[in-house]
Protein backbone atom coordinates (compact mmCIF):
# COMPACT_ATOMS: atom_id res chain seq x y z
CA MET A 1 10.73 -46.33 -30.37
CA ALA A 2 7.92 -43.94 -29.54
CA LYS A 3 8.71 -41.11 -27.18
CA THR A 4 7.01 -41.37 -23.81
CA VAL A 5 4.38 -38.67 -23.41
CA ILE A 6 3.69 -37.54 -19.87
CA ASP A 7 0.55 -35.51 -19.33
CA LEU A 8 1.07 -33.00 -16.51
CA SER A 9 -1.59 -30.56 -17.66
CA TYR A 10 -3.63 -31.24 -14.54
CA ILE A 11 -0.78 -29.65 -12.57
CA TYR A 12 0.26 -26.82 -14.87
CA LYS A 13 -1.51 -25.11 -17.74
CA PRO A 14 0.73 -22.39 -19.20
CA HIS A 15 -0.76 -19.11 -20.32
CA PRO A 16 0.37 -17.62 -23.70
CA ARG A 17 3.44 -15.79 -22.35
CA GLN A 18 4.56 -18.92 -20.52
CA VAL A 19 4.12 -20.93 -23.74
CA LEU A 20 6.52 -18.53 -25.50
CA PHE A 21 9.02 -19.07 -22.69
CA HIS A 22 8.82 -22.87 -22.95
CA GLN A 23 8.98 -22.95 -26.75
CA SER A 24 12.08 -20.77 -27.07
CA PRO A 25 15.11 -22.70 -28.40
CA CYS A 26 17.60 -20.26 -26.81
CA LYS A 27 20.24 -21.47 -24.41
CA GLY A 28 19.36 -18.68 -21.98
CA ARG A 29 15.89 -17.46 -21.11
CA LEU A 30 14.65 -14.77 -18.72
CA PHE A 31 10.98 -14.68 -17.78
CA GLY A 32 9.19 -12.05 -15.72
CA GLY A 33 9.07 -8.33 -15.29
CA ALA A 34 6.30 -7.94 -12.70
CA ILE A 35 4.53 -9.80 -9.92
CA ARG A 36 1.98 -12.56 -10.53
CA GLY A 37 3.02 -13.05 -14.12
CA GLY A 38 3.62 -16.75 -13.45
CA LYS A 39 7.43 -16.63 -13.18
CA THR A 40 8.02 -19.34 -10.60
CA LYS A 41 5.46 -21.74 -12.06
CA ALA A 42 7.08 -21.45 -15.49
CA LEU A 43 10.59 -21.89 -14.08
CA VAL A 44 9.67 -25.08 -12.21
CA ALA A 45 7.75 -26.54 -15.14
CA GLU A 46 10.73 -25.94 -17.44
CA GLY A 47 13.05 -27.62 -14.94
CA ILE A 48 10.76 -30.64 -14.80
CA GLU A 49 10.66 -30.81 -18.60
CA LEU A 50 14.46 -30.63 -18.94
CA SER A 51 14.74 -33.46 -16.39
CA LEU A 52 12.31 -35.62 -18.38
CA ASP A 53 13.57 -34.81 -21.88
CA TYR A 54 17.16 -35.84 -21.11
CA PRO A 55 17.40 -38.98 -18.93
CA GLY A 56 20.34 -38.62 -16.56
CA ASN A 57 20.25 -34.83 -16.73
CA VAL A 58 21.47 -32.85 -13.73
CA GLY A 59 20.06 -29.43 -12.91
CA LEU A 60 20.25 -26.93 -10.08
CA MET A 61 17.48 -24.62 -8.89
CA ALA A 62 18.21 -21.75 -6.52
CA ARG A 63 17.19 -18.49 -4.95
CA GLN A 64 19.36 -16.14 -2.97
CA ASN A 65 17.97 -17.43 0.35
CA LEU A 66 16.99 -21.01 1.13
CA PRO A 67 13.93 -20.07 3.25
CA ALA A 68 12.60 -18.02 0.34
CA PHE A 69 13.25 -20.96 -2.01
CA LYS A 70 11.31 -23.33 0.23
CA ARG A 71 8.42 -20.90 0.52
CA THR A 72 8.09 -20.33 -3.24
CA VAL A 73 9.96 -22.68 -5.60
CA MET A 74 9.71 -25.75 -3.40
CA VAL A 75 5.96 -25.26 -3.03
CA GLU A 76 5.68 -25.48 -6.83
CA LEU A 77 8.02 -28.48 -7.03
CA GLU A 78 5.96 -30.34 -4.43
CA ARG A 79 2.94 -30.20 -6.71
CA TYR A 80 4.74 -32.71 -8.96
CA PHE A 81 5.78 -35.13 -6.19
CA ASP A 82 2.80 -37.45 -6.61
CA ALA A 83 2.76 -37.38 -10.42
CA GLY A 84 3.26 -40.74 -12.14
CA ILE A 85 3.61 -42.31 -15.56
CA TRP A 86 2.85 -45.65 -17.22
CA VAL A 87 6.04 -47.47 -18.24
CA ASP A 88 6.00 -50.33 -20.76
CA ARG A 89 7.89 -53.26 -19.18
CA GLY A 90 7.44 -55.57 -22.21
CA ASN A 91 5.00 -57.88 -20.48
CA GLY A 92 2.69 -55.05 -19.51
CA LYS A 93 2.58 -51.48 -18.31
CA GLU A 94 3.53 -50.44 -14.80
CA PHE A 95 2.61 -47.18 -13.08
CA VAL A 96 5.67 -45.56 -11.51
CA LYS A 97 6.15 -42.28 -9.69
CA MET A 98 7.88 -39.62 -11.78
CA ILE A 99 9.87 -38.42 -8.75
CA THR A 100 11.37 -41.31 -6.81
CA GLN A 101 13.18 -39.50 -4.00
CA HIS A 102 13.33 -36.13 -2.27
CA HIS A 103 16.34 -35.85 0.02
CA SER A 104 15.50 -32.80 2.14
CA THR A 105 18.79 -32.88 4.07
CA ASP A 106 21.15 -32.97 1.08
CA HIS A 107 18.75 -30.94 -1.07
CA PHE A 108 18.14 -33.04 -4.18
CA ILE A 109 15.23 -34.59 -6.04
CA ASP A 110 15.61 -37.78 -8.12
CA PHE A 111 13.52 -38.82 -11.13
CA TRP A 112 12.59 -42.27 -12.38
CA ASN A 113 14.80 -41.80 -15.48
CA GLY A 114 18.00 -41.04 -13.55
CA SER A 115 17.76 -37.24 -13.70
CA ARG A 116 18.38 -35.17 -10.60
CA ILE A 117 17.60 -31.62 -9.47
CA TRP A 118 19.75 -30.07 -6.78
CA TYR A 119 18.48 -27.01 -4.94
CA THR A 120 20.05 -24.44 -2.65
CA GLY A 121 20.12 -20.92 -1.28
CA LEU A 122 23.06 -19.13 -2.86
CA GLY A 123 23.59 -16.61 -0.10
CA ASP A 124 22.90 -18.57 3.07
CA ASP A 125 23.00 -22.33 2.41
CA THR A 126 26.74 -22.73 2.99
CA ARG A 127 26.57 -26.46 3.67
CA GLY A 128 24.27 -27.20 0.74
CA LEU A 129 26.25 -25.10 -1.71
CA ALA A 130 29.54 -26.65 -0.62
CA SER A 131 28.17 -30.14 -1.30
CA GLN A 132 27.45 -29.12 -4.89
CA LEU A 133 30.79 -27.49 -5.74
CA GLY A 134 32.03 -30.50 -7.67
CA ILE A 135 28.94 -31.23 -9.75
CA THR A 136 28.61 -30.65 -13.48
CA LEU A 137 25.28 -29.48 -14.83
CA GLY A 138 23.09 -29.76 -17.86
CA TRP A 139 21.01 -26.77 -16.78
CA PHE A 140 20.39 -24.39 -13.91
CA ALA A 141 17.57 -22.07 -12.88
CA PHE A 142 17.65 -18.98 -10.67
CA ASP A 143 14.34 -17.68 -9.36
CA GLN A 144 14.38 -13.91 -8.73
CA VAL A 145 17.89 -13.73 -10.17
CA GLU A 146 18.08 -9.99 -9.42
CA GLU A 147 18.51 -10.95 -5.75
CA CYS A 148 21.61 -13.01 -6.59
CA SER A 149 25.14 -11.89 -7.37
CA GLU A 150 26.62 -11.98 -10.87
CA MET A 151 29.48 -14.01 -9.41
CA HIS A 152 27.10 -16.85 -8.52
CA PHE A 153 25.60 -16.74 -12.00
CA ASN A 154 29.02 -16.90 -13.69
CA ASN A 155 30.03 -19.76 -11.40
CA MET A 156 27.02 -21.84 -12.46
CA LEU A 157 27.48 -20.92 -16.12
CA GLY A 158 30.94 -22.46 -15.93
CA ARG A 159 29.47 -25.79 -14.79
CA LEU A 160 27.35 -26.41 -17.89
CA TYR A 161 29.42 -29.27 -19.31
CA LEU A 162 27.56 -32.42 -18.27
CA PRO A 163 28.84 -35.29 -20.50
CA LEU A 164 25.44 -36.45 -21.70
CA LYS A 165 24.69 -37.48 -25.28
CA ASP A 166 22.69 -34.93 -27.29
CA ILE A 167 22.37 -32.64 -24.27
CA LYS A 168 21.40 -29.02 -24.90
CA PHE A 169 22.72 -26.86 -22.10
CA LYS A 170 20.25 -24.36 -20.69
CA TYR A 171 20.02 -21.64 -18.07
CA ILE A 172 16.60 -20.29 -17.15
CA LEU A 173 15.95 -17.24 -15.04
CA SER A 174 13.09 -15.30 -13.54
CA ALA A 175 13.38 -11.72 -12.38
CA ASN A 176 11.90 -8.35 -11.69
CA PRO A 177 14.53 -6.55 -13.80
CA MET A 178 15.23 -3.49 -11.67
CA PRO A 179 18.36 -1.42 -12.33
CA GLY A 180 21.42 -3.58 -11.73
CA TRP A 181 23.54 -6.31 -13.30
CA VAL A 182 20.56 -8.39 -14.51
CA LYS A 183 19.05 -5.52 -16.47
CA GLN A 184 22.43 -4.44 -17.86
CA ARG A 185 23.52 -7.94 -18.90
CA PHE A 186 20.31 -9.46 -20.21
CA ILE A 187 18.00 -6.64 -21.29
CA GLU A 188 20.13 -3.65 -22.23
CA SER A 189 23.02 -5.67 -23.73
CA LYS A 190 20.90 -8.35 -25.48
CA PRO A 191 23.37 -11.30 -25.44
CA ASP A 192 23.50 -13.97 -28.14
CA ASP A 193 21.37 -17.10 -27.87
CA PHE A 194 19.22 -15.47 -25.20
CA VAL A 195 15.64 -14.24 -24.97
CA TYR A 196 13.80 -12.06 -22.46
CA ILE A 197 10.06 -12.71 -22.31
CA PRO A 198 8.19 -10.18 -20.16
CA SER A 199 5.02 -11.28 -18.42
CA LEU A 200 2.70 -8.94 -16.54
CA PRO A 201 -0.32 -9.62 -14.32
CA LYS A 202 -2.59 -8.71 -17.23
CA ASP A 203 -1.02 -11.63 -19.16
CA ASN A 204 -2.06 -14.10 -16.46
CA PRO A 205 -5.68 -15.20 -17.04
CA TYR A 206 -5.76 -17.10 -13.75
CA LEU A 207 -5.72 -13.99 -11.55
CA PRO A 208 -8.94 -12.56 -10.06
CA GLU A 209 -10.70 -10.12 -12.39
CA ASN A 210 -10.19 -7.09 -10.10
CA TYR A 211 -6.61 -7.97 -9.06
CA GLU A 212 -4.95 -4.92 -10.65
CA GLU A 213 -7.61 -2.51 -9.48
CA GLU A 214 -7.29 -3.62 -5.86
CA LEU A 215 -3.50 -3.50 -5.95
CA ARG A 216 -3.48 0.05 -7.32
CA ALA A 217 -5.91 1.14 -4.61
CA GLN A 218 -3.89 -0.45 -1.82
CA TYR A 219 -0.30 0.44 -2.69
CA PRO A 220 1.64 3.60 -3.65
CA ARG A 221 1.75 4.65 -7.30
CA GLU A 222 5.45 3.84 -7.75
CA LEU A 223 5.14 0.36 -6.30
CA ALA A 224 1.98 -0.40 -8.28
CA GLU A 225 3.71 0.75 -11.46
CA ALA A 226 6.63 -1.60 -10.78
CA TRP A 227 4.48 -4.57 -9.76
CA LEU A 228 1.84 -4.24 -12.46
CA GLU A 229 3.64 -2.64 -15.41
CA GLY A 230 7.16 -3.97 -14.85
CA ASN A 231 8.66 -0.47 -14.65
CA TRP A 232 11.19 -1.07 -11.92
CA ASP A 233 13.13 2.10 -12.73
CA VAL A 234 10.62 4.08 -10.66
CA MET A 235 11.77 2.25 -7.52
CA GLU A 236 15.32 3.49 -7.96
CA SER A 237 14.87 6.94 -9.45
CA GLY A 238 13.02 8.67 -6.59
CA ASN A 239 14.22 9.82 -3.19
CA PHE A 240 13.48 6.47 -1.53
CA LEU A 241 15.34 5.63 1.67
CA PHE A 242 15.48 1.90 0.91
CA SER A 243 16.02 0.34 -2.50
CA TRP A 244 13.77 -2.52 -3.50
CA ASN A 245 16.84 -4.68 -4.03
CA GLU A 246 17.98 -4.08 -0.45
CA ILE A 247 14.53 -4.98 0.85
CA THR A 248 14.25 -8.24 -1.11
CA ARG A 249 17.79 -9.28 -0.16
CA ALA A 250 16.86 -8.93 3.51
CA SER A 251 13.70 -11.06 3.22
CA ASP A 252 14.18 -14.31 5.18
CA LYS A 253 17.95 -13.82 5.11
CA GLU A 254 19.83 -16.17 7.42
CA VAL A 255 21.67 -14.18 10.10
CA VAL A 256 23.02 -14.98 13.54
CA GLN A 257 20.53 -14.50 16.39
CA GLU A 258 22.31 -13.15 19.42
CA GLY A 259 21.72 -10.81 22.31
CA GLU A 260 18.58 -9.81 24.17
CA LEU A 261 15.15 -9.65 22.56
CA GLU A 262 13.89 -6.19 21.63
CA MET A 263 10.45 -5.01 20.57
CA GLY A 264 9.13 -1.97 18.72
CA VAL A 265 5.47 -1.00 19.12
CA ASP A 266 3.85 1.44 16.69
CA LEU A 267 0.43 2.55 17.89
CA ALA A 268 -2.27 3.85 15.58
CA TRP A 269 -3.90 7.24 15.91
CA SER A 270 -6.70 7.04 13.33
CA GLY A 271 -9.32 4.50 12.34
CA GLY A 272 -8.13 1.86 9.91
CA ASP A 273 -4.48 2.09 10.94
CA GLU A 274 -2.79 -0.89 12.52
CA ASN A 275 -1.18 -1.29 15.89
CA VAL A 276 1.99 -3.27 15.19
CA ALA A 277 4.52 -4.93 17.49
CA ILE A 278 7.74 -6.33 15.98
CA ILE A 279 10.23 -8.45 17.91
CA ARG A 280 13.85 -8.91 16.93
CA GLN A 281 17.01 -10.51 18.25
CA GLY A 282 20.26 -9.05 17.01
CA ASN A 283 19.82 -8.37 13.31
CA LYS A 284 16.95 -10.84 12.84
CA MET A 285 13.27 -9.91 12.88
CA LEU A 286 11.57 -12.80 14.65
CA SER A 287 7.85 -12.02 14.57
CA PHE A 288 5.22 -9.36 14.40
CA ASP A 289 1.80 -8.96 15.90
CA ARG A 290 -0.86 -6.55 14.66
CA TRP A 291 -4.34 -5.41 15.55
CA ILE A 292 -6.63 -2.76 14.11
CA PHE A 293 -6.93 0.53 15.96
CA LYS A 294 -10.07 1.30 17.96
CA MET A 295 -9.99 4.23 20.36
CA GLU A 296 -12.33 2.50 22.80
CA ASP A 297 -10.00 -0.52 22.94
CA SER A 298 -6.91 1.28 24.25
CA LEU A 299 -6.95 -0.84 27.43
CA LYS A 300 -6.99 -3.97 25.28
CA SER A 301 -3.92 -2.62 23.46
CA VAL A 302 -2.19 -2.17 26.80
CA ASP A 303 -2.92 -5.79 27.70
CA ARG A 304 -1.80 -6.97 24.23
CA VAL A 305 1.62 -5.35 24.58
CA ILE A 306 2.06 -6.66 28.13
CA GLU A 307 1.11 -10.16 27.00
CA LEU A 308 3.86 -10.04 24.34
CA ILE A 309 6.41 -8.80 26.88
CA GLU A 310 5.57 -11.67 29.23
CA ARG A 311 5.31 -14.36 26.57
CA PHE A 312 8.73 -13.58 25.06
CA GLN A 313 10.32 -12.45 28.35
CA ILE A 314 11.54 -9.18 26.84
CA PRO A 315 13.44 -6.82 29.19
CA HIS A 316 11.24 -3.77 29.79
CA LYS A 317 13.91 -1.29 28.72
CA ASN A 318 14.15 -3.06 25.34
CA VAL A 319 10.51 -2.36 24.53
CA LYS A 320 10.33 0.89 22.53
CA VAL A 321 6.79 2.24 22.39
CA ASP A 322 5.40 4.99 20.20
CA ALA A 323 4.41 7.56 22.84
CA VAL A 324 2.87 10.28 20.72
CA SER A 325 -0.73 10.99 19.69
CA GLY A 326 -2.79 7.77 19.83
CA GLY A 327 0.07 5.91 21.46
CA SER A 328 0.42 8.21 24.45
CA PRO A 329 -2.44 6.84 26.62
CA ILE A 330 -1.42 3.28 25.77
CA TYR A 331 2.18 3.96 26.75
CA SER A 332 0.95 5.52 30.00
CA GLY A 333 -1.25 2.49 30.66
CA ILE A 334 1.68 0.10 30.18
CA VAL A 335 3.85 2.08 32.60
CA ALA A 336 1.00 2.33 35.13
CA LYS A 337 0.98 -1.49 35.30
CA GLY A 338 4.65 -1.54 36.29
CA TYR A 339 6.30 -2.04 32.89
CA ASN A 340 8.97 0.64 32.50
CA VAL A 341 9.20 0.53 28.74
CA THR A 342 11.10 3.10 26.67
CA PRO A 343 8.96 5.91 25.23
CA ILE A 344 9.83 7.11 21.73
CA ILE A 345 8.45 10.41 20.41
CA ALA A 346 9.05 10.50 16.66
CA GLY A 347 8.89 14.29 16.36
CA ALA A 348 11.21 14.96 19.29
CA LYS A 349 14.81 16.07 18.97
CA ALA A 350 17.14 13.35 17.79
CA ASP A 351 19.92 12.10 20.05
CA ASP A 352 22.26 13.12 17.24
CA GLU A 353 20.87 16.60 16.58
CA GLU A 354 23.79 17.48 14.35
CA HIS A 355 22.74 15.01 11.65
CA TYR A 356 18.99 14.36 12.08
CA VAL A 357 16.00 16.68 12.21
CA ASN A 358 14.07 14.45 14.62
CA THR A 359 13.95 11.02 16.24
CA ARG A 360 11.98 9.44 13.38
CA ALA A 361 14.68 10.39 10.88
CA GLU A 362 17.35 9.03 13.22
CA MET A 363 15.47 5.73 13.65
CA PHE A 364 15.02 5.14 9.94
CA TYR A 365 18.58 6.09 9.01
CA GLN A 366 19.84 3.63 11.63
CA LEU A 367 17.61 1.03 9.97
CA GLN A 368 18.85 2.02 6.51
CA SER A 369 22.43 1.40 7.65
CA ARG A 370 21.59 -2.22 8.47
CA PHE A 371 20.02 -2.72 5.03
CA ARG A 372 22.96 -1.06 3.26
CA LYS A 373 25.43 -3.29 5.10
CA ASP A 374 23.34 -6.34 4.11
CA GLU A 375 23.22 -7.51 7.72
CA ILE A 376 19.50 -7.42 8.54
CA SER A 377 16.87 -10.15 8.12
CA ILE A 378 13.15 -9.38 7.92
CA ILE A 379 10.08 -11.57 7.60
CA ASP A 380 8.97 -11.78 3.97
CA ASP A 381 5.72 -9.89 4.44
CA ARG A 382 4.40 -8.10 1.35
CA ASP A 383 2.88 -5.16 3.24
CA LEU A 384 6.02 -4.61 5.30
CA LYS A 385 8.19 -4.59 2.18
CA ALA A 386 5.77 -2.25 0.40
CA GLN A 387 5.78 0.18 3.31
CA LEU A 388 9.58 0.21 3.53
CA SER A 389 9.77 0.90 -0.20
CA ILE A 390 7.77 4.16 0.05
CA ILE A 391 9.71 5.82 2.89
CA LYS A 392 11.17 8.93 1.32
CA TYR A 393 13.73 11.45 2.49
CA MET A 394 13.64 15.20 1.91
CA PRO A 395 16.45 17.56 0.93
CA ALA A 396 18.48 18.18 4.06
CA GLN A 397 17.92 21.27 6.15
CA GLU A 398 21.18 22.73 7.43
CA LYS A 399 22.86 19.42 6.54
CA ARG A 400 20.42 17.50 8.76
CA LEU A 401 18.57 14.48 7.39
CA GLN A 402 14.79 14.30 7.46
CA LEU A 403 11.96 12.14 6.14
CA ILE A 404 8.70 13.01 4.48
CA SER A 405 6.18 12.96 7.33
CA LYS A 406 3.37 10.43 7.71
CA GLU A 407 0.89 13.31 7.52
CA THR A 408 2.26 14.32 4.11
CA MET A 409 2.13 10.70 2.96
CA ARG A 410 -1.55 10.53 3.93
CA LYS A 411 -2.30 13.72 2.01
CA HIS A 412 -0.82 12.08 -1.10
CA GLY A 413 -3.09 9.07 -0.64
CA ASP A 414 -0.53 6.69 0.88
CA HIS A 415 -1.43 4.47 3.81
CA SER A 416 0.30 4.90 7.14
CA PRO A 417 3.50 2.75 7.14
CA ASP A 418 2.71 1.20 10.53
CA ARG A 419 4.73 -2.01 9.99
CA ALA A 420 7.76 -0.09 8.74
CA ASP A 421 7.55 2.23 11.77
CA ALA A 422 7.39 -0.73 14.16
CA LEU A 423 10.45 -2.24 12.45
CA ALA A 424 12.36 1.03 12.81
CA LEU A 425 11.38 1.18 16.49
CA ALA A 426 12.48 -2.43 17.08
CA PHE A 427 15.93 -1.80 15.58
CA TYR A 428 16.37 1.71 17.00
CA GLU A 429 19.22 2.07 19.48
CA PRO A 430 18.68 5.28 21.46
CA ARG A 431 21.77 6.80 22.93
CA GLN A 432 22.27 5.67 26.51
CA PHE A 433 23.08 8.62 28.70
CA SER A 434 25.09 7.96 31.85
CA PRO A 435 25.23 10.73 34.44
CA SER A 436 28.68 12.03 35.19
CA ILE A 437 29.58 11.80 38.85
CA ARG A 438 31.89 14.27 40.51
CA TRP A 439 33.29 13.53 43.91
CA LEU A 440 33.84 16.64 46.00
């Protein structure tokens, strides 16, 4: 009986590095190394192929966070939802949809041949993951596996025993292999029956011709080297305040929203910089608003901040406004209109003078603590993550912590980290001083 051939080339045309990934006979495969190398597209296409090659196959696709999965992997999966094939029924051919059901509540996708793909967020989809604890698998795929724990990987590896005739068990991974368990286990150790296929932006012919040039001009050298050349060691070897792994783990992380709304407003002081307002509730970043700095529009900036305060009903004391340099007249304008917001002067003395050189250092080290404890959630914005990744600390003076100043960053060609500053302001908790009362 002839094998059914399904032409999906109108959906996905692999470039040469992706072809190597698909053609590998190894049980385990890791694809990636940099951004825009086609990792997620290749991972999804391989999952589709495994579902078609083995009728009745069961696979699982996952990322660390379910929102991130839906924004990336699910978008690629949805491109196949309307694909169909011609099936010979004996008395003629019938056109049937390749995917017959997508159950968005229970998180599975069914195929016409009886195969199924489950999907989940390993770190935050408690209900979805629990519903899949008893399943056996023929394959699984982790997108951005460096975000996931080795425990989750080992757990899935132990489920590859689906009783299906002639099945070849597979696990397929994509990653930016920064220092950590993924690099140690799959690249430095070189396990049996496994292949790592790096793919860089220069390997992807579908990117714009000047993609690399624009990225190098826009982002710091270390980040561009990691994104474009796959050298993720540079993101861990310098004196960076936040590790890239911490930043990616926090992106779209599911956390409890509780408490009053708070807002941080970083105001620009030179042309081309952004004014940025970030709103959070508890440990969750909810939204951000931005507008380009123009000195003549300072009154418009005042009205913009007030509009956000009113729209979200944020208590005035919870609005922390950059009150230095370009932000000073805007802060004054907000107060003049009856909004007693909290002024923050980055270069002023820290509340905790014993440990921090100035308020900016104190703000960012408070923010770092939330990342280190894995309790913060930020919007998955590329510029915000890039700016967080270039915040550097300096050797301590008299055992007090300090950061490399924004002025020094500009001298080295880096852009002002306006979004990172607004995030630090939003999550900053200034010490509340209560006057002591003595009764005579």
